Amino acid sequence: MNTQAPLDAARRLAPMIAAAGDAIETARRLTPEVVDALHAAGLYRLLLPRDLGGAELDLAEFSLVIEAIAQADGSTAWCVCQANGCAQSAGFLEAEAAREVFGGKRAVLAWGPGSAQVAELPGGWRISGKWGFASGCRQASWLGCYVQVPDETGKPRLAPDGTPLLRTFVFPAASAEISDVWQVIGLRGTASDAYTVSDLVVPARLSFLRNAAQRTDYPLYRFTINSVYMAGFPGVAMGIARAMLTDFVALAGAKTPRLIKSALRDDAVIQAQVAQCEARLRAARAFLQQTLEESWRAAAAGRLTVEHRLANRLSSTYAIHQAREVADIVFHAAGATAIYESHPLERRMRDIITVSQHLQARVQHYETVGQSLLGLEPDLSVT
């Protein structure tokens, strides 16, 4: 398979996506033209199995595709990343159910965290609940949720490792009521809204346990759902930071700061900062790509270990934080120019601030990896 094709498609669409940035920001959701283009290019199907029309892209290539989209628009990249992460469900649903959900050419699944009441019925489940942070839900044909499954006494059922057993449910998006709650500082176009269902009956075929046997031997399904997001969301951060560095280099050649006689690019401090920012982004991407490639090879060979998961967690968190550092440096160096809504640095700074507030960027992830490096038992709950 030519894994370069999705990356080429992302780069080809980048100018059109960038041009739609203002409209995406204003509407607080992706424009229909951008959604149509993403579907036509297959960018919502990067991680689906080939038997469902997917690209079966490996996680290292997936991260590069998301980074390329993020250089054009952070919200678009975030939605594409989230939708492809949710599409991992295809490997755990039975074949017919997977085709039911993902067989359509414009199939998109979205979900977010929340709480629910669940009751088992003959042939299915009745669920009621509310969930939030459902990025891309306005373009979704299906919504989903993952909830703790109670036993006959009402207590959470436990997996073999003693953790609460989570069952995932998927249902048509029209079955839920979506609430417009996404009034935020950045990534406004993701429309990461909330949704509710009440006494919704979900057939058993549209639910699954994440620790169940996989339906396909595609290596992706040997990873946790967090591993997919560990590959994609740092790509969003690095793409935004790369675009900000590019914006700043253009600005540095054109701007002469007030009370200064020469252009920004002639300042020795600025020259050093640009070089250091370039090094940060290249190093972070190289580290992330290395760990993703190593873990993918291990998964393909059936030898994926906790050490691979921790390496991915470390490189992912590091990449997001390095991208945020680059953004901070160039935004400050741009001076007052960067604070105007008319300049791309302003929106991109708000977007990367929002990325860095996400679970994937928590500094506690360093603690988890450090525990392992020091011979202690690491907390693997978010790896």
Protein backbone atom coordinates (compact mmCIF):
# COMPACT_ATOMS: atom_id res chain seq x y z
CA MET A 1 0.00 0.00 0.00
CA ASN A 2 1.16 3.55 -0.76
CA THR A 3 1.00 5.11 2.71
CA GLN A 4 2.17 8.41 1.22
CA ALA A 5 -1.21 8.91 -0.49
CA PRO A 6 -3.12 10.17 2.61
CA LEU A 7 -0.27 12.55 3.44
CA ASP A 8 -0.27 13.85 -0.13
CA ALA A 9 -4.05 14.31 0.11
CA ALA A 10 -3.74 16.26 3.36
CA ARG A 11 -1.11 18.55 1.88
CA ARG A 12 -3.17 19.05 -1.28
CA LEU A 13 -6.22 20.10 0.74
CA ALA A 14 -4.27 22.35 3.10
CA PRO A 15 -4.71 25.62 1.15
CA MET A 16 -8.48 25.11 0.88
CA ILE A 17 -8.76 24.22 4.57
CA ALA A 18 -6.66 27.26 5.55
CA ALA A 19 -8.84 29.53 3.43
CA ALA A 20 -11.90 28.24 5.29
CA GLY A 21 -10.36 29.05 8.67
CA ASP A 22 -12.35 32.22 9.31
CA ALA A 23 -15.62 30.54 8.35
CA ILE A 24 -14.84 27.56 10.60
CA GLU A 25 -14.04 29.90 13.48
CA THR A 26 -17.21 31.94 12.99
CA ALA A 27 -19.55 28.96 12.56
CA ARG A 28 -17.82 27.02 15.36
CA ARG A 29 -17.89 23.89 13.22
CA LEU A 30 -16.27 22.66 10.02
CA THR A 31 -17.80 24.06 6.87
CA PRO A 32 -19.71 21.70 4.56
CA GLU A 33 -17.09 22.26 1.83
CA VAL A 34 -14.27 21.16 4.14
CA VAL A 35 -16.22 18.12 5.33
CA ASP A 36 -16.97 17.13 1.72
CA ALA A 37 -13.30 17.44 0.80
CA LEU A 38 -12.18 15.37 3.78
CA HIS A 39 -14.61 12.61 2.84
CA ALA A 40 -13.60 12.69 -0.82
CA ALA A 41 -9.93 12.32 0.18
CA GLY A 42 -10.65 9.43 2.56
CA LEU A 43 -9.26 11.32 5.53
CA TYR A 44 -12.03 10.13 7.85
CA ARG A 45 -11.09 6.51 7.02
CA LEU A 46 -7.37 6.48 7.75
CA LEU A 47 -7.51 3.85 10.51
CA LEU A 48 -10.36 1.70 9.24
CA PRO A 49 -9.62 -1.84 8.00
CA ARG A 50 -9.35 -2.27 4.25
CA ASP A 51 -12.45 -4.48 4.17
CA LEU A 52 -14.41 -1.37 5.21
CA GLY A 53 -12.74 0.86 2.64
CA GLY A 54 -10.13 2.11 5.08
CA ALA A 55 -6.46 2.94 4.55
CA GLU A 56 -5.16 0.82 7.46
CA LEU A 57 -2.57 3.52 8.04
CA ASP A 58 0.08 2.90 10.68
CA LEU A 59 0.18 5.28 13.63
CA ALA A 60 3.41 7.03 12.62
CA GLU A 61 1.95 7.96 9.20
CA PHE A 62 -1.33 8.88 10.86
CA SER A 63 0.47 11.38 13.07
CA LEU A 64 2.11 13.00 10.04
CA VAL A 65 -1.24 13.33 8.25
CA ILE A 66 -2.80 15.03 11.28
CA GLU A 67 0.20 17.35 11.55
CA ALA A 68 -0.16 18.35 7.89
CA ILE A 69 -3.85 19.19 8.34
CA ALA A 70 -3.11 21.13 11.55
CA GLN A 71 -0.71 23.40 9.70
CA ALA A 72 -3.78 24.56 7.79
CA ASP A 73 -6.33 24.57 10.63
CA GLY A 74 -6.19 23.15 14.13
CA SER A 75 -9.92 22.49 14.49
CA THR A 76 -10.05 20.48 11.27
CA ALA A 77 -7.07 18.38 12.32
CA TRP A 78 -8.59 17.77 15.75
CA CYS A 79 -11.88 16.55 14.26
CA VAL A 80 -10.11 14.24 11.82
CA CYS A 81 -7.96 12.83 14.62
CA GLN A 82 -10.93 12.27 16.91
CA ALA A 83 -13.05 10.62 14.22
CA ASN A 84 -10.28 8.23 13.26
CA GLY A 85 -9.70 7.33 16.91
CA CYS A 86 -13.40 6.52 17.32
CA ALA A 87 -13.22 4.42 14.16
CA GLN A 88 -11.05 1.96 16.09
CA SER A 89 -14.44 0.56 17.15
CA ALA A 90 -14.60 -1.20 13.79
CA GLY A 91 -12.15 -3.84 14.94
CA PHE A 92 -14.22 -4.85 17.96
CA LEU A 93 -17.71 -4.84 16.47
CA GLU A 94 -18.86 -7.97 14.69
CA ALA A 95 -18.27 -7.77 10.94
CA GLU A 96 -21.91 -7.05 10.00
CA ALA A 97 -22.26 -4.40 12.71
CA ALA A 98 -18.99 -2.78 11.65
CA ARG A 99 -20.32 -2.53 8.10
CA GLU A 100 -23.58 -1.09 9.41
CA VAL A 101 -21.73 1.69 11.22
CA PHE A 102 -18.79 2.36 8.91
CA GLY A 103 -19.94 1.01 5.55
CA GLY A 104 -21.40 4.30 4.36
CA LYS A 105 -19.09 6.55 2.37
CA ARG A 106 -19.71 9.44 4.80
CA ALA A 107 -19.73 7.45 8.04
CA VAL A 108 -18.28 9.31 11.02
CA LEU A 109 -18.45 8.24 14.66
CA ALA A 110 -17.99 10.75 17.49
CA TRP A 111 -18.10 10.40 21.26
CA GLY A 112 -16.95 11.95 24.52
CA PRO A 113 -16.72 11.25 28.26
CA GLY A 114 -19.74 11.40 30.56
CA SER A 115 -21.99 9.31 32.77
CA ALA A 116 -24.95 7.03 32.16
CA GLN A 117 -27.42 4.59 33.59
CA VAL A 118 -27.36 1.20 31.89
CA ALA A 119 -29.71 -1.77 32.09
CA GLU A 120 -29.28 -5.03 30.21
CA LEU A 121 -32.27 -6.23 28.19
CA PRO A 122 -32.87 -9.37 26.13
CA GLY A 123 -30.87 -8.72 22.96
CA GLY A 124 -29.60 -5.31 23.97
CA TRP A 125 -29.23 -2.52 26.50
CA ARG A 126 -31.22 0.51 27.65
CA ILE A 127 -29.08 3.58 28.29
CA SER A 128 -29.69 7.11 29.53
CA GLY A 129 -26.97 9.67 30.01
CA LYS A 130 -25.10 12.80 29.06
CA TRP A 131 -21.66 13.12 27.50
CA GLY A 132 -19.49 16.04 26.47
CA PHE A 133 -16.39 17.04 24.49
CA ALA A 134 -17.76 15.20 21.45
CA SER A 135 -15.43 16.73 18.88
CA GLY A 136 -16.83 16.55 15.38
CA CYS A 137 -20.30 15.54 16.53
CA ARG A 138 -21.89 18.02 14.11
CA GLN A 139 -20.48 16.00 11.18
CA ALA A 140 -21.12 12.60 12.77
CA SER A 141 -23.54 10.02 11.44
CA TRP A 142 -23.11 7.95 14.61
CA LEU A 143 -22.49 8.82 18.25
CA GLY A 144 -21.15 6.60 20.98
CA CYS A 145 -20.46 6.34 24.66
CA TYR A 146 -18.44 4.14 26.96
CA VAL A 147 -19.86 3.34 30.38
CA GLN A 148 -19.24 1.12 33.37
CA VAL A 149 -21.39 -2.00 33.19
CA PRO A 150 -23.17 -2.94 36.44
CA ASP A 151 -23.55 -6.48 37.73
CA GLU A 152 -26.76 -7.90 39.20
CA THR A 153 -26.14 -6.02 42.47
CA GLY A 154 -25.64 -2.69 40.70
CA LYS A 155 -21.89 -2.57 41.31
CA PRO A 156 -19.47 -2.08 38.40
CA ARG A 157 -18.38 -5.30 36.74
CA LEU A 158 -14.63 -5.75 36.83
CA ALA A 159 -12.19 -6.80 34.15
CA PRO A 160 -9.65 -9.55 34.93
CA ASP A 161 -7.11 -6.92 36.02
CA GLY A 162 -9.57 -5.52 38.59
CA THR A 163 -10.42 -2.31 36.72
CA PRO A 164 -14.06 -1.38 35.99
CA LEU A 165 -15.35 -3.04 32.84
CA LEU A 166 -16.23 -0.48 30.18
CA ARG A 167 -18.74 -1.27 27.47
CA THR A 168 -18.96 0.93 24.39
CA PHE A 169 -22.31 1.63 22.71
CA VAL A 170 -22.84 3.21 19.30
CA PHE A 171 -26.12 4.59 17.97
CA PRO A 172 -27.35 6.85 15.14
CA ALA A 173 -26.59 10.50 15.79
CA ALA A 174 -30.26 11.31 15.24
CA SER A 175 -31.07 9.33 18.40
CA ALA A 176 -29.39 11.94 20.61
CA GLU A 177 -30.04 15.55 21.46
CA ILE A 178 -26.95 17.70 20.91
CA SER A 179 -26.48 20.82 23.06
CA ASP A 180 -24.45 23.81 21.90
CA VAL A 181 -22.05 24.23 24.82
CA TRP A 182 -18.72 24.78 23.03
CA GLN A 183 -18.03 28.45 23.77
CA VAL A 184 -14.28 28.27 24.35
CA ILE A 185 -10.99 30.07 23.81
CA GLY A 186 -9.60 27.88 21.04
CA LEU A 187 -10.33 24.99 18.67
CA ARG A 188 -13.73 26.59 18.33
CA GLY A 189 -14.43 24.86 15.05
CA THR A 190 -14.38 21.39 16.60
CA ALA A 191 -17.93 21.87 17.94
CA SER A 192 -17.02 19.61 20.86
CA ASP A 193 -20.55 19.79 22.17
CA ALA A 194 -22.57 17.71 24.65
CA TYR A 195 -25.28 15.19 23.83
CA THR A 196 -27.91 13.24 25.75
CA VAL A 197 -30.05 10.14 25.28
CA SER A 198 -32.96 8.98 27.41
CA ASP A 199 -34.11 5.35 27.62
CA LEU A 200 -32.43 4.56 24.33
CA VAL A 201 -32.40 0.86 23.45
CA VAL A 202 -29.14 -0.17 21.77
CA PRO A 203 -29.01 -3.62 20.14
CA ALA A 204 -26.32 -5.92 21.48
CA ARG A 205 -24.63 -5.98 18.06
CA LEU A 206 -23.85 -2.26 18.45
CA SER A 207 -21.96 -2.66 21.71
CA PHE A 208 -18.64 -4.20 22.60
CA LEU A 209 -16.01 -4.55 25.30
CA ARG A 210 -12.67 -2.95 24.51
CA ASN A 211 -10.73 -5.87 25.97
CA ALA A 212 -12.62 -8.35 23.80
CA ALA A 213 -10.98 -10.31 21.00
CA GLN A 214 -10.33 -8.24 17.90
CA ARG A 215 -12.20 -8.99 14.70
CA THR A 216 -9.23 -8.33 12.42
CA ASP A 217 -5.48 -8.89 12.59
CA TYR A 218 -4.82 -5.24 11.69
CA PRO A 219 -2.16 -4.23 14.29
CA LEU A 220 -4.10 -1.13 15.37
CA TYR A 221 -6.42 -3.26 17.50
CA ARG A 222 -3.58 -4.37 19.72
CA PHE A 223 -3.31 -0.77 20.95
CA THR A 224 -5.48 0.98 23.52
CA ILE A 225 -7.75 3.79 22.36
CA ASN A 226 -5.46 6.24 24.20
CA SER A 227 -2.56 5.03 22.07
CA VAL A 228 -4.37 6.24 18.95
CA TYR A 229 -4.88 9.66 20.50
CA MET A 230 -1.26 9.66 21.71
CA ALA A 231 -0.28 9.44 18.03
CA GLY A 232 -2.74 11.97 16.63
CA PHE A 233 -3.14 14.82 19.08
CA PRO A 234 0.58 15.67 19.31
CA GLY A 235 0.38 15.94 15.53
CA VAL A 236 -2.23 18.66 16.01
CA ALA A 237 0.05 20.54 18.41
CA MET A 238 3.13 20.22 16.22
CA GLY A 239 1.24 21.23 13.10
CA ILE A 240 -0.06 24.39 14.77
CA ALA A 241 3.40 25.20 16.13
CA ARG A 242 5.02 24.60 12.75
CA ALA A 243 2.52 26.98 11.13
CA MET A 244 3.22 29.58 13.82
CA LEU A 245 6.96 29.32 13.23
CA THR A 246 6.40 29.73 9.49
CA ASP A 247 4.15 32.74 10.14
CA PHE A 248 6.77 34.28 12.38
CA VAL A 249 9.63 33.82 9.91
CA ALA A 250 7.57 35.69 7.31
CA LEU A 251 6.78 38.41 9.84
CA ALA A 252 10.41 38.74 10.96
CA GLY A 253 11.50 39.71 7.49
CA ALA A 254 8.78 42.32 7.09
CA LYS A 255 8.46 43.92 10.52
CA THR A 256 10.66 46.62 11.99
CA PRO A 257 9.63 47.00 15.63
CA ARG A 258 8.81 50.42 17.00
CA LEU A 259 11.87 52.32 18.22
CA ILE A 260 14.14 49.74 16.52
CA LYS A 261 16.10 50.54 13.33
CA SER A 262 16.33 47.07 11.81
CA ALA A 263 13.98 44.21 10.94
CA LEU A 264 13.19 41.52 13.47
CA ARG A 265 15.21 38.96 11.53
CA ASP A 266 18.39 41.02 12.05
CA ASP A 267 18.15 40.65 15.84
CA ALA A 268 20.63 38.07 17.18
CA VAL A 269 18.20 36.92 19.89
CA ILE A 270 15.48 36.32 17.31
CA GLN A 271 17.91 34.39 15.11
CA ALA A 272 18.83 32.11 18.01
CA GLN A 273 15.20 31.64 19.02
CA VAL A 274 14.15 30.62 15.50
CA ALA A 275 16.94 28.04 15.34
CA GLN A 276 16.03 26.66 18.77
CA CYS A 277 12.36 26.44 17.82
CA GLU A 278 13.27 24.54 14.67
CA ALA A 279 15.33 22.12 16.75
CA ARG A 280 12.49 21.63 19.26
CA LEU A 281 9.98 20.71 16.57
CA ARG A 282 12.32 18.44 14.64
CA ALA A 283 13.49 16.63 17.77
CA ALA A 284 9.97 16.18 19.10
CA ARG A 285 8.71 14.81 15.80
CA ALA A 286 11.71 12.45 15.45
CA PHE A 287 11.17 11.08 18.97
CA LEU A 288 7.45 10.60 18.39
CA GLN A 289 7.96 8.94 15.01
CA GLN A 290 10.61 6.61 16.43
CA THR A 291 8.44 5.33 19.27
CA LEU A 292 5.36 4.98 17.07
CA GLU A 293 7.27 3.04 14.43
CA GLU A 294 8.83 0.75 17.04
CA SER A 295 5.52 0.03 18.75
CA TRP A 296 3.76 -0.59 15.42
CA ARG A 297 6.37 -3.16 14.42
CA ALA A 298 5.98 -4.80 17.82
CA ALA A 299 2.18 -4.86 17.48
CA ALA A 300 2.42 -6.38 13.99
CA ALA A 301 4.62 -9.12 15.44
CA GLY A 302 2.32 -9.65 18.43
CA ARG A 303 4.95 -8.37 20.85
CA LEU A 304 3.53 -5.05 22.03
CA THR A 305 4.60 -4.42 25.63
CA VAL A 306 3.96 -1.98 28.46
CA GLU A 307 7.35 -0.46 27.67
CA HIS A 308 6.14 0.44 24.17
CA ARG A 309 3.03 2.06 25.62
CA LEU A 310 5.10 4.10 28.05
CA ALA A 311 7.52 5.18 25.33
CA ASN A 312 4.58 6.37 23.23
CA ARG A 313 3.17 8.23 26.22
CA LEU A 314 6.50 9.97 26.86
CA SER A 315 7.10 11.01 23.25
CA SER A 316 3.50 12.16 22.83
CA THR A 317 3.45 14.33 25.94
CA TYR A 318 6.89 15.70 25.14
CA ALA A 319 5.82 16.65 21.60
CA ILE A 320 2.78 18.60 22.82
CA HIS A 321 4.82 20.48 25.40
CA GLN A 322 7.62 21.28 22.97
CA ALA A 323 5.05 22.56 20.46
CA ARG A 324 3.52 24.78 23.14
CA GLU A 325 6.98 26.13 24.00
CA VAL A 326 7.60 27.03 20.37
CA ALA A 327 4.22 28.74 20.18
CA ASP A 328 4.94 30.78 23.32
CA ILE A 329 8.35 31.88 22.00
CA VAL A 330 7.20 33.04 18.56
CA PHE A 331 3.99 34.63 19.80
CA HIS A 332 5.91 36.75 22.29
CA ALA A 333 8.65 37.55 19.78
CA ALA A 334 6.03 38.82 17.31
CA GLY A 335 5.07 41.59 19.71
CA ALA A 336 1.76 43.42 19.42
CA THR A 337 1.24 42.18 15.86
CA ALA A 338 0.25 38.77 17.22
CA ILE A 339 -2.64 40.01 19.35
CA TYR A 340 -4.81 41.12 16.43
CA GLU A 341 -7.52 38.77 15.23
CA SER A 342 -6.48 39.62 11.69
CA HIS A 343 -3.12 37.88 12.16
CA PRO A 344 -2.94 34.05 12.01
CA LEU A 345 -0.71 33.89 15.10
CA GLU A 346 -3.64 35.03 17.26
CA ARG A 347 -5.99 32.15 16.43
CA ARG A 348 -3.22 29.58 16.36
CA MET A 349 -2.07 30.64 19.81
CA ARG A 350 -5.58 30.17 21.18
CA ASP A 351 -5.81 26.80 19.46
CA ILE A 352 -2.54 25.47 20.86
CA ILE A 353 -3.43 26.70 24.35
CA THR A 354 -6.57 24.60 24.09
CA VAL A 355 -4.64 21.56 22.83
CA SER A 356 -2.25 21.83 25.77
CA GLN A 357 -5.16 21.76 28.24
CA HIS A 358 -6.23 18.31 27.03
CA LEU A 359 -5.73 15.06 28.93
CA GLN A 360 -3.03 14.04 26.45
CA ALA A 361 -0.85 16.96 27.61
CA ARG A 362 -1.01 16.40 31.36
CA VAL A 363 2.35 16.80 33.07
CA GLN A 364 1.40 13.83 35.26
CA HIS A 365 2.23 11.59 32.29
CA TYR A 366 5.89 12.28 32.99
CA GLU A 367 5.31 10.94 36.50
CA THR A 368 3.87 7.72 35.08
CA VAL A 369 6.91 7.15 32.85
CA GLY A 370 9.26 8.14 35.65
CA GLN A 371 7.70 5.55 37.93
CA SER A 372 8.59 2.85 35.43
CA LEU A 373 12.10 4.16 34.86
CA LEU A 374 12.69 4.09 38.62
CA GLY A 375 11.51 0.49 38.97
CA LEU A 376 8.11 1.37 40.45
CA GLU A 377 4.68 0.19 39.31
CA PRO A 378 3.38 2.80 36.82
CA ASP A 379 -0.20 3.99 36.61
CA LEU A 380 -1.28 2.78 33.18
CA SER A 381 -4.84 4.10 33.28
CA VAL A 382 -4.22 6.69 30.56
CA THR A 383 -1.80 4.77 28.35
